[in-house]
Amino acid sequence: MFQRLFIIFSLLILLVPALNAQSSNKKKSDDVIVMPQYPGGHDKMIEYLFVETNYPDEAYAKQETGEVLVGFTVEADGHISMAQVLKGVSPSLDAEAVRVVKSMPNWVPGTKNGKPVRAELSIPINFKLINKNHFYNAKAKENGITKMKAREKRREAKWWYGE
């Protein structure tokens, strides 16, 4: 009798952690996670980055190009924080990429089980020289094209978006 109770008690001790693990797995699989979104979606974010990013004069003079990877946090209220360069190209391009990410409008925050949560994301910002006289570089300034005019021209440049 004592041996049977000992065996049953031993089995219960071994099964309790397994049952707890199963119940915790159920909780994890029931979690619904929705990632943060830029207001208006991905296409609007690309347009925002294109319009707001300025090619630094220093980088233009040195003909620097490349992709800067910027990591940032979308807080539970949607604002951007902790923007930092994860993969850089040059100090001037890196600084411009971080500046434009920090200046983004508030995002729609991510949610977990319907509650807003903070989330870490990263986006690549590609700096490419299109031609010698593109309208948002030092040459444009020499020709008297203001930043506002450059933004208008960039918005009109449908070819940039592949349209």
C-alpha atoms as a PDB file:
ATOM      1  CA  MET A   1       0.000   0.000   0.000  1.00  0.00           C
ATOM      2  CA  PHE A   2       2.759   2.404   0.961  1.00  0.00           C
ATOM      3  CA  GLN A   3       4.633   1.578  -2.283  1.00  0.00           C
ATOM      4  CA  ARG A   4       1.555   2.381  -4.394  1.00  0.00           C
ATOM      5  CA  LEU A   5       1.070   5.723  -2.654  1.00  0.00           C
ATOM      6  CA  PHE A   6       4.757   6.509  -3.138  1.00  0.00           C
ATOM      7  CA  ILE A   7       4.550   5.680  -6.868  1.00  0.00           C
ATOM      8  CA  ILE A   8       1.361   7.729  -7.344  1.00  0.00           C
ATOM      9  CA  PHE A   9       2.850  10.638  -5.400  1.00  0.00           C
ATOM     10  CA  SER A  10       6.044  10.460  -7.509  1.00  0.00           C
ATOM     11  CA  LEU A  11       4.031  10.465 -10.722  1.00  0.00           C
ATOM     12  CA  LEU A  12       2.053  13.497  -9.554  1.00  0.00           C
ATOM     13  CA  ILE A  13       5.258  15.373  -8.791  1.00  0.00           C
ATOM     14  CA  LEU A  14       6.541  14.605 -12.304  1.00  0.00           C
ATOM     15  CA  LEU A  15       3.247  15.516 -14.018  1.00  0.00           C
ATOM     16  CA  VAL A  16       2.623  18.886 -12.322  1.00  0.00           C
ATOM     17  CA  PRO A  17       5.462  20.728 -14.137  1.00  0.00           C
ATOM     18  CA  ALA A  18       4.362  19.177 -17.444  1.00  0.00           C
ATOM     19  CA  LEU A  19       0.770  20.315 -16.890  1.00  0.00           C
ATOM     20  CA  ASN A  20       1.957  23.829 -15.987  1.00  0.00           C
ATOM     21  CA  ALA A  21       4.069  23.953 -19.138  1.00  0.00           C
ATOM     22  CA  GLN A  22       1.071  22.982 -21.253  1.00  0.00           C
ATOM     23  CA  SER A  23      -1.131  25.641 -19.669  1.00  0.00           C
ATOM     24  CA  SER A  24       1.571  28.311 -20.142  1.00  0.00           C
ATOM     25  CA  ASN A  25       1.954  27.262 -23.790  1.00  0.00           C
ATOM     26  CA  LYS A  26      -1.769  27.790 -24.246  1.00  0.00           C
ATOM     27  CA  LYS A  27      -1.470  31.315 -22.872  1.00  0.00           C
ATOM     28  CA  LYS A  28       1.404  32.101 -25.243  1.00  0.00           C
ATOM     29  CA  SER A  29      -0.430  30.808 -28.299  1.00  0.00           C
ATOM     30  CA  ASP A  30      -3.538  32.801 -27.339  1.00  0.00           C
ATOM     31  CA  ASP A  31      -1.553  36.088 -27.352  1.00  0.00           C
ATOM     32  CA  VAL A  32      -2.492  38.198 -30.369  1.00  0.00           C
ATOM     33  CA  ILE A  33       0.314  40.530 -31.399  1.00  0.00           C
ATOM     34  CA  VAL A  34      -0.203  43.303 -33.943  1.00  0.00           C
ATOM     35  CA  MET A  35       2.883  45.175 -35.118  1.00  0.00           C
ATOM     36  CA  PRO A  36       2.987  48.993 -35.157  1.00  0.00           C
ATOM     37  CA  GLN A  37       2.080  50.741 -38.395  1.00  0.00           C
ATOM     38  CA  TYR A  38       3.006  54.044 -39.937  1.00  0.00           C
ATOM     39  CA  PRO A  39      -0.174  56.146 -40.348  1.00  0.00           C
ATOM     40  CA  GLY A  40      -1.403  55.482 -43.875  1.00  0.00           C
ATOM     41  CA  GLY A  41       0.655  52.327 -44.318  1.00  0.00           C
ATOM     42  CA  HIS A  42       3.981  51.366 -45.829  1.00  0.00           C
ATOM     43  CA  ASP A  43       3.595  53.400 -49.039  1.00  0.00           C
ATOM     44  CA  LYS A  44       2.953  56.589 -47.068  1.00  0.00           C
ATOM     45  CA  MET A  45       6.038  55.899 -44.954  1.00  0.00           C
ATOM     46  CA  ILE A  46       8.174  55.515 -48.096  1.00  0.00           C
ATOM     47  CA  GLU A  47       6.752  58.770 -49.445  1.00  0.00           C
ATOM     48  CA  TYR A  48       7.428  60.528 -46.123  1.00  0.00           C
ATOM     49  CA  LEU A  49      11.028  59.325 -46.058  1.00  0.00           C
ATOM     50  CA  PHE A  50      11.557  60.368 -49.671  1.00  0.00           C
ATOM     51  CA  VAL A  51      10.119  63.850 -49.166  1.00  0.00           C
ATOM     52  CA  GLU A  52      11.685  64.599 -45.785  1.00  0.00           C
ATOM     53  CA  THR A  53      15.162  63.155 -46.300  1.00  0.00           C
ATOM     54  CA  ASN A  54      17.736  65.666 -47.481  1.00  0.00           C
ATOM     55  CA  TYR A  55      21.046  64.632 -48.975  1.00  0.00           C
ATOM     56  CA  PRO A  56      23.706  66.212 -46.741  1.00  0.00           C
ATOM     57  CA  ASP A  57      25.972  68.637 -48.642  1.00  0.00           C
ATOM     58  CA  GLU A  58      29.074  66.964 -47.225  1.00  0.00           C
ATOM     59  CA  ALA A  59      27.970  63.520 -48.418  1.00  0.00           C
ATOM     60  CA  TYR A  60      27.009  64.908 -51.823  1.00  0.00           C
ATOM     61  CA  ALA A  61      30.394  66.571 -52.239  1.00  0.00           C
ATOM     62  CA  LYS A  62      32.123  63.254 -51.433  1.00  0.00           C
ATOM     63  CA  GLN A  63      29.656  61.302 -53.629  1.00  0.00           C
ATOM     64  CA  GLU A  64      28.778  59.048 -50.662  1.00  0.00           C
ATOM     65  CA  THR A  65      25.966  56.571 -51.206  1.00  0.00           C
ATOM     66  CA  GLY A  66      24.606  53.565 -49.376  1.00  0.00           C
ATOM     67  CA  GLU A  67      21.967  52.166 -47.080  1.00  0.00           C
ATOM     68  CA  VAL A  68      21.692  53.264 -43.457  1.00  0.00           C
ATOM     69  CA  LEU A  69      19.803  50.874 -41.193  1.00  0.00           C
ATOM     70  CA  VAL A  70      18.074  52.747 -38.367  1.00  0.00           C
ATOM     71  CA  GLY A  71      16.619  50.958 -35.354  1.00  0.00           C
ATOM     72  CA  PHE A  72      13.974  52.655 -33.228  1.00  0.00           C
ATOM     73  CA  THR A  73      11.242  52.020 -30.699  1.00  0.00           C
ATOM     74  CA  VAL A  74       7.554  52.782 -31.241  1.00  0.00           C
ATOM     75  CA  GLU A  75       6.241  53.510 -27.770  1.00  0.00           C
ATOM     76  CA  ALA A  76       2.788  52.497 -26.522  1.00  0.00           C
ATOM     77  CA  ASP A  77       1.490  56.001 -27.320  1.00  0.00           C
ATOM     78  CA  GLY A  78       2.897  55.818 -30.867  1.00  0.00           C
ATOM     79  CA  HIS A  79       5.819  58.234 -30.628  1.00  0.00           C
ATOM     80  CA  ILE A  80       9.300  57.299 -31.842  1.00  0.00           C
ATOM     81  CA  SER A  81      12.139  56.960 -29.340  1.00  0.00           C
ATOM     82  CA  MET A  82      15.668  55.570 -29.157  1.00  0.00           C
ATOM     83  CA  ALA A  83      16.463  55.992 -32.856  1.00  0.00           C
ATOM     84  CA  GLN A  84      19.990  54.806 -33.548  1.00  0.00           C
ATOM     85  CA  VAL A  85      22.130  53.655 -36.436  1.00  0.00           C
ATOM     86  CA  LEU A  86      22.434  49.870 -36.631  1.00  0.00           C
ATOM     87  CA  LYS A  87      24.434  49.869 -39.864  1.00  0.00           C
ATOM     88  CA  GLY A  88      25.964  53.109 -41.039  1.00  0.00           C
ATOM     89  CA  VAL A  89      27.573  54.551 -44.145  1.00  0.00           C
ATOM     90  CA  SER A  90      29.140  57.860 -43.086  1.00  0.00           C
ATOM     91  CA  PRO A  91      28.614  60.284 -40.208  1.00  0.00           C
ATOM     92  CA  SER A  92      26.624  62.785 -42.305  1.00  0.00           C
ATOM     93  CA  LEU A  93      24.326  60.177 -43.918  1.00  0.00           C
ATOM     94  CA  ASP A  94      23.865  58.399 -40.582  1.00  0.00           C
ATOM     95  CA  ALA A  95      22.901  61.650 -38.841  1.00  0.00           C
ATOM     96  CA  GLU A  96      20.372  62.516 -41.567  1.00  0.00           C
ATOM     97  CA  ALA A  97      18.791  59.060 -41.399  1.00  0.00           C
ATOM     98  CA  VAL A  98      18.376  59.290 -37.614  1.00  0.00           C
ATOM     99  CA  ARG A  99      17.020  62.859 -37.917  1.00  0.00           C
ATOM    100  CA  VAL A 100      14.331  61.873 -40.407  1.00  0.00           C
ATOM    101  CA  VAL A 101      13.252  58.834 -38.353  1.00  0.00           C
ATOM    102  CA  LYS A 102      13.003  60.934 -35.185  1.00  0.00           C
ATOM    103  CA  SER A 103      10.871  63.486 -37.036  1.00  0.00           C
ATOM    104  CA  MET A 104       8.261  60.922 -38.131  1.00  0.00           C
ATOM    105  CA  PRO A 105       4.693  61.524 -36.987  1.00  0.00           C
ATOM    106  CA  ASN A 106       3.253  59.236 -34.312  1.00  0.00           C
ATOM    107  CA  TRP A 107       2.679  55.666 -35.454  1.00  0.00           C
ATOM    108  CA  VAL A 108      -0.297  53.465 -34.718  1.00  0.00           C
ATOM    109  CA  PRO A 109       1.195  51.514 -31.798  1.00  0.00           C
ATOM    110  CA  GLY A 110       1.542  47.774 -31.721  1.00  0.00           C
ATOM    111  CA  THR A 111      -0.853  45.812 -29.563  1.00  0.00           C
ATOM    112  CA  LYS A 112      -0.755  42.622 -27.574  1.00  0.00           C
ATOM    113  CA  ASN A 113      -4.149  41.200 -26.626  1.00  0.00           C
ATOM    114  CA  GLY A 114      -5.699  44.541 -27.563  1.00  0.00           C
ATOM    115  CA  LYS A 115      -3.438  46.601 -25.287  1.00  0.00           C
ATOM    116  CA  PRO A 116      -0.877  49.041 -26.761  1.00  0.00           C
ATOM    117  CA  VAL A 117       2.735  47.953 -26.245  1.00  0.00           C
ATOM    118  CA  ARG A 118       6.143  49.282 -27.235  1.00  0.00           C
ATOM    119  CA  ALA A 119       7.879  47.588 -30.116  1.00  0.00           C
ATOM    120  CA  GLU A 120      11.333  47.766 -31.647  1.00  0.00           C
ATOM    121  CA  LEU A 121      11.635  48.134 -35.414  1.00  0.00           C
ATOM    122  CA  SER A 122      14.268  48.944 -37.982  1.00  0.00           C
ATOM    123  CA  ILE A 123      14.074  50.488 -41.432  1.00  0.00           C
ATOM    124  CA  PRO A 124      16.650  50.946 -44.172  1.00  0.00           C
ATOM    125  CA  ILE A 125      17.112  54.411 -45.647  1.00  0.00           C
ATOM    126  CA  ASN A 126      18.829  54.315 -49.007  1.00  0.00           C
ATOM    127  CA  PHE A 127      20.929  57.272 -50.114  1.00  0.00           C
ATOM    128  CA  LYS A 128      21.466  57.208 -53.844  1.00  0.00           C
ATOM    129  CA  LEU A 129      22.754  59.894 -56.206  1.00  0.00           C
ATOM    130  CA  ILE A 130      20.364  59.894 -59.143  1.00  0.00           C
ATOM    131  CA  ASN A 131      22.311  62.311 -61.353  1.00  0.00           C
ATOM    132  CA  LYS A 132      24.473  65.393 -61.123  1.00  0.00           C
ATOM    133  CA  ASN A 133      21.549  67.822 -61.016  1.00  0.00           C
ATOM    134  CA  HIS A 134      18.967  66.054 -58.892  1.00  0.00           C
ATOM    135  CA  PHE A 135      16.728  68.532 -57.178  1.00  0.00           C
ATOM    136  CA  TYR A 136      17.516  67.993 -53.518  1.00  0.00           C
ATOM    137  CA  ASN A 137      21.260  68.444 -53.354  1.00  0.00           C
ATOM    138  CA  ALA A 138      23.794  71.249 -53.215  1.00  0.00           C
ATOM    139  CA  LYS A 139      23.375  71.903 -56.949  1.00  0.00           C
ATOM    140  CA  ALA A 140      19.678  72.583 -56.365  1.00  0.00           C
ATOM    141  CA  LYS A 141      20.574  75.180 -53.740  1.00  0.00           C
ATOM    142  CA  GLU A 142      22.891  76.884 -56.235  1.00  0.00           C
ATOM    143  CA  ASN A 143      20.012  77.031 -58.733  1.00  0.00           C
ATOM    144  CA  GLY A 144      17.729  78.660 -56.151  1.00  0.00           C
ATOM    145  CA  ILE A 145      15.456  75.684 -55.556  1.00  0.00           C
ATOM    146  CA  THR A 146      14.153  76.004 -52.016  1.00  0.00           C
ATOM    147  CA  LYS A 147      13.454  73.076 -49.751  1.00  0.00           C
ATOM    148  CA  MET A 148       9.701  73.557 -50.282  1.00  0.00           C
ATOM    149  CA  LYS A 149      10.080  73.517 -54.067  1.00  0.00           C
ATOM    150  CA  ALA A 150      12.245  70.413 -53.813  1.00  0.00           C
ATOM    151  CA  ARG A 151       9.549  68.681 -51.755  1.00  0.00           C
ATOM    152  CA  GLU A 152       6.923  69.584 -54.336  1.00  0.00           C
ATOM    153  CA  LYS A 153       9.108  68.205 -57.119  1.00  0.00           C
ATOM    154  CA  ARG A 154       9.724  65.009 -55.168  1.00  0.00           C
ATOM    155  CA  ARG A 155       5.995  64.532 -54.629  1.00  0.00           C
ATOM    156  CA  GLU A 156       5.473  64.918 -58.374  1.00  0.00           C
ATOM    157  CA  ALA A 157       8.249  62.436 -59.165  1.00  0.00           C
ATOM    158  CA  LYS A 158       5.999  59.386 -59.553  1.00  0.00           C
ATOM    159  CA  TRP A 159       8.801  57.518 -61.326  1.00  0.00           C
ATOM    160  CA  TRP A 160      10.627  57.291 -57.999  1.00  0.00           C
ATOM    161  CA  TYR A 161       7.867  55.103 -56.583  1.00  0.00           C
ATOM    162  CA  GLY A 162       7.699  52.901 -59.662  1.00  0.00           C
ATOM    163  CA  GLU A 163       4.353  54.292 -60.822  1.00  0.00           C
END
